[in-house]
Amino acid sequence: METIEFDIRGQICPSSLLVALKEVNSRTERLRQGSVQLCFLTDNRDATITIPESASNMGYGVSVEKKDGYYSIVISGKKD
């Protein structure tokens, strides 16, 4: 599976959410097929709520991991 990474550190909501939704929507078919997952790197705590909530509501699997000074939000094709 291919992982496409987006570094959106420094952006605040709703900008970070809009970027994430744009990327998810442009790769809907590949996400649903399971051939790609999207990884968003953010330092905005609000984004760790808004992005996963939106992606989950769209039927995608989401995981959030706290890293050293930022968060990694991974969106995949299937809800766990």
N, C-alpha and C. Protein backbone atom coordinates (compact mmCIF):
# COMPACT_ATOMS: atom_id res chain seq x y z
N MET A 1 0.84 -1.18 0.00
CA MET A 1 0.00 0.00 0.00
C MET A 1 0.89 1.25 0.00
N GLU A 2 0.52 2.18 -0.83
CA GLU A 2 1.26 3.44 -0.91
C GLU A 2 0.78 4.40 0.18
N THR A 3 1.72 5.09 0.82
CA THR A 3 1.38 6.13 1.79
C THR A 3 1.80 7.47 1.21
N ILE A 4 0.84 8.37 1.13
CA ILE A 4 1.12 9.72 0.65
C ILE A 4 1.09 10.64 1.86
N GLU A 5 2.19 11.36 2.06
CA GLU A 5 2.32 12.20 3.25
C GLU A 5 2.15 13.67 2.90
N PHE A 6 1.42 14.37 3.75
CA PHE A 6 1.18 15.81 3.60
C PHE A 6 1.62 16.49 4.89
N ASP A 7 2.55 17.40 4.77
CA ASP A 7 3.03 18.14 5.94
C ASP A 7 2.25 19.45 6.00
N ILE A 8 1.25 19.49 6.89
CA ILE A 8 0.42 20.68 7.02
C ILE A 8 0.69 21.38 8.35
N ARG A 9 1.87 21.14 8.90
CA ARG A 9 2.24 21.82 10.14
C ARG A 9 2.29 23.32 9.89
N GLY A 10 1.82 24.07 10.86
CA GLY A 10 1.78 25.52 10.72
C GLY A 10 0.42 26.04 10.26
N GLN A 11 -0.41 25.14 9.73
CA GLN A 11 -1.76 25.55 9.31
C GLN A 11 -2.72 25.33 10.47
N ILE A 12 -3.72 26.19 10.54
CA ILE A 12 -4.73 26.04 11.58
C ILE A 12 -6.07 25.70 10.95
N CYS A 13 -6.97 25.16 11.75
CA CYS A 13 -8.31 24.87 11.25
C CYS A 13 -9.03 26.19 11.00
N PRO A 14 -9.84 26.30 9.97
CA PRO A 14 -10.30 25.20 9.11
C PRO A 14 -9.39 24.90 7.93
N SER A 15 -8.31 25.64 7.76
CA SER A 15 -7.42 25.42 6.62
C SER A 15 -6.90 23.98 6.56
N SER A 16 -6.45 23.45 7.69
CA SER A 16 -5.92 22.08 7.69
C SER A 16 -6.99 21.06 7.34
N LEU A 17 -8.20 21.27 7.82
CA LEU A 17 -9.31 20.37 7.49
C LEU A 17 -9.64 20.44 6.00
N LEU A 18 -9.66 21.64 5.44
CA LEU A 18 -9.98 21.79 4.02
C LEU A 18 -8.92 21.13 3.14
N VAL A 19 -7.67 21.24 3.51
CA VAL A 19 -6.60 20.57 2.75
C VAL A 19 -6.80 19.06 2.81
N ALA A 20 -7.06 18.54 4.00
CA ALA A 20 -7.25 17.10 4.17
C ALA A 20 -8.44 16.60 3.36
N LEU A 21 -9.56 17.31 3.43
CA LEU A 21 -10.75 16.89 2.69
C LEU A 21 -10.53 16.92 1.19
N LYS A 22 -9.81 17.92 0.71
CA LYS A 22 -9.50 18.02 -0.71
C LYS A 22 -8.70 16.80 -1.16
N GLU A 23 -7.69 16.43 -0.37
CA GLU A 23 -6.85 15.29 -0.73
C GLU A 23 -7.61 13.97 -0.63
N VAL A 24 -8.44 13.82 0.39
CA VAL A 24 -9.26 12.61 0.53
C VAL A 24 -10.21 12.49 -0.66
N ASN A 25 -10.90 13.58 -0.99
CA ASN A 25 -11.87 13.54 -2.08
C ASN A 25 -11.21 13.29 -3.44
N SER A 26 -9.97 13.72 -3.61
CA SER A 26 -9.32 13.50 -4.90
C SER A 26 -8.77 12.08 -5.03
N ARG A 27 -8.79 11.33 -3.94
CA ARG A 27 -8.27 9.95 -3.96
C ARG A 27 -9.29 8.94 -3.44
N THR A 28 -10.56 9.26 -3.54
CA THR A 28 -11.61 8.40 -3.00
C THR A 28 -11.52 6.97 -3.51
N GLU A 29 -11.37 6.80 -4.81
CA GLU A 29 -11.36 5.46 -5.38
C GLU A 29 -10.19 4.63 -4.86
N ARG A 30 -9.01 5.22 -4.85
CA ARG A 30 -7.82 4.49 -4.38
C ARG A 30 -7.89 4.19 -2.88
N LEU A 31 -8.46 5.11 -2.11
CA LEU A 31 -8.64 4.85 -0.68
C LEU A 31 -9.58 3.68 -0.47
N ARG A 32 -10.71 3.68 -1.17
CA ARG A 32 -11.70 2.61 -1.02
C ARG A 32 -11.14 1.25 -1.47
N GLN A 33 -10.28 1.27 -2.48
CA GLN A 33 -9.65 0.03 -2.95
C GLN A 33 -8.58 -0.47 -1.99
N GLY A 34 -8.11 0.40 -1.12
CA GLY A 34 -7.06 0.03 -0.19
C GLY A 34 -5.66 0.11 -0.78
N SER A 35 -5.51 0.80 -1.91
CA SER A 35 -4.19 0.89 -2.54
C SER A 35 -3.39 2.09 -2.05
N VAL A 36 -4.03 2.96 -1.27
CA VAL A 36 -3.33 4.14 -0.77
C VAL A 36 -3.87 4.52 0.61
N GLN A 37 -3.01 5.10 1.41
CA GLN A 37 -3.45 5.74 2.66
C GLN A 37 -2.81 7.11 2.71
N LEU A 38 -3.48 8.02 3.37
CA LEU A 38 -3.01 9.40 3.44
C LEU A 38 -2.55 9.69 4.86
N CYS A 39 -1.39 10.31 4.98
CA CYS A 39 -0.83 10.66 6.28
C CYS A 39 -0.65 12.17 6.34
N PHE A 40 -1.31 12.79 7.30
CA PHE A 40 -1.23 14.24 7.48
C PHE A 40 -0.43 14.53 8.75
N LEU A 41 0.62 15.32 8.61
CA LEU A 41 1.42 15.74 9.76
C LEU A 41 0.96 17.13 10.16
N THR A 42 0.55 17.29 11.41
CA THR A 42 0.03 18.57 11.87
C THR A 42 0.51 18.88 13.28
N ASP A 43 0.64 20.17 13.57
CA ASP A 43 0.95 20.58 14.93
C ASP A 43 -0.25 21.31 15.54
N ASN A 44 -1.38 21.24 14.86
CA ASN A 44 -2.59 21.90 15.33
C ASN A 44 -3.48 20.87 16.03
N ARG A 45 -3.68 21.06 17.33
CA ARG A 45 -4.45 20.09 18.10
C ARG A 45 -5.89 19.97 17.62
N ASP A 46 -6.48 21.08 17.20
CA ASP A 46 -7.86 21.04 16.70
C ASP A 46 -7.99 20.10 15.50
N ALA A 47 -6.95 20.05 14.67
CA ALA A 47 -6.97 19.19 13.48
C ALA A 47 -7.04 17.71 13.85
N THR A 48 -6.54 17.36 15.05
CA THR A 48 -6.59 15.95 15.47
C THR A 48 -8.00 15.53 15.83
N ILE A 49 -8.90 16.49 15.89
CA ILE A 49 -10.32 16.19 16.15
C ILE A 49 -11.12 16.34 14.86
N THR A 50 -10.95 17.46 14.18
CA THR A 50 -11.78 17.75 13.01
C THR A 50 -11.50 16.83 11.82
N ILE A 51 -10.22 16.56 11.55
CA ILE A 51 -9.90 15.70 10.40
C ILE A 51 -10.37 14.26 10.64
N PRO A 52 -10.01 13.63 11.77
CA PRO A 52 -10.50 12.26 11.99
C PRO A 52 -12.02 12.15 12.03
N GLU A 53 -12.67 13.13 12.65
CA GLU A 53 -14.13 13.10 12.74
C GLU A 53 -14.76 13.15 11.34
N SER A 54 -14.27 14.03 10.51
CA SER A 54 -14.80 14.16 9.14
C SER A 54 -14.53 12.91 8.32
N ALA A 55 -13.31 12.40 8.39
CA ALA A 55 -12.95 11.20 7.62
C ALA A 55 -13.75 9.99 8.09
N SER A 56 -13.94 9.86 9.38
CA SER A 56 -14.72 8.75 9.93
C SER A 56 -16.17 8.84 9.48
N ASN A 57 -16.72 10.04 9.47
CA ASN A 57 -18.10 10.23 9.00
C ASN A 57 -18.25 9.88 7.53
N MET A 58 -17.15 9.95 6.78
CA MET A 58 -17.16 9.59 5.36
C MET A 58 -16.93 8.09 5.16
N GLY A 59 -16.71 7.36 6.26
CA GLY A 59 -16.55 5.91 6.19
C GLY A 59 -15.12 5.41 6.14
N TYR A 60 -14.17 6.29 6.38
CA TYR A 60 -12.76 5.90 6.33
C TYR A 60 -12.24 5.52 7.70
N GLY A 61 -11.21 4.70 7.71
CA GLY A 61 -10.50 4.38 8.93
C GLY A 61 -9.51 5.49 9.24
N VAL A 62 -9.36 5.81 10.51
CA VAL A 62 -8.47 6.91 10.90
C VAL A 62 -7.69 6.51 12.15
N SER A 63 -6.42 6.87 12.15
CA SER A 63 -5.64 6.72 13.38
C SER A 63 -4.87 8.01 13.61
N VAL A 64 -4.72 8.37 14.87
CA VAL A 64 -3.99 9.57 15.25
C VAL A 64 -2.89 9.15 16.21
N GLU A 65 -1.67 9.60 15.92
CA GLU A 65 -0.54 9.27 16.78
C GLU A 65 0.21 10.54 17.13
N LYS A 66 0.47 10.69 18.43
CA LYS A 66 1.24 11.86 18.87
C LYS A 66 2.72 11.55 18.67
N LYS A 67 3.40 12.46 17.99
CA LYS A 67 4.83 12.31 17.74
C LYS A 67 5.57 13.35 18.58
N ASP A 68 6.81 13.57 18.28
CA ASP A 68 7.60 14.55 19.02
C ASP A 68 7.33 15.96 18.50
N GLY A 69 6.37 16.64 19.10
CA GLY A 69 6.05 18.01 18.72
C GLY A 69 4.99 18.16 17.64
N TYR A 70 4.42 17.06 17.18
CA TYR A 70 3.36 17.12 16.17
C TYR A 70 2.54 15.83 16.23
N TYR A 71 1.52 15.76 15.38
CA TYR A 71 0.65 14.59 15.31
C TYR A 71 0.67 14.02 13.91
N SER A 72 0.47 12.72 13.81
CA SER A 72 0.34 12.04 12.54
C SER A 72 -1.09 11.48 12.45
N ILE A 73 -1.82 11.92 11.42
CA ILE A 73 -3.18 11.45 11.21
C ILE A 73 -3.18 10.62 9.93
N VAL A 74 -3.51 9.33 10.06
CA VAL A 74 -3.51 8.44 8.90
C VAL A 74 -4.95 8.06 8.55
N ILE A 75 -5.30 8.27 7.29
CA ILE A 75 -6.63 7.95 6.78
C ILE A 75 -6.49 6.79 5.80
N SER A 76 -7.26 5.74 6.04
CA SER A 76 -7.22 4.57 5.16
C SER A 76 -8.64 4.25 4.69
N GLY A 77 -8.73 3.30 3.80
CA GLY A 77 -10.00 3.01 3.15
C GLY A 77 -11.04 2.31 3.99
N LYS A 78 -10.63 1.67 5.06
CA LYS A 78 -11.60 0.88 5.82
C LYS A 78 -11.61 1.29 7.28
N LYS A 79 -12.82 1.38 7.81
CA LYS A 79 -12.94 1.63 9.25
C LYS A 79 -12.56 0.37 9.99
N ASP A 80 -11.86 0.53 11.08
CA ASP A 80 -11.48 -0.63 11.90
C ASP A 80 -12.61 -1.03 12.81
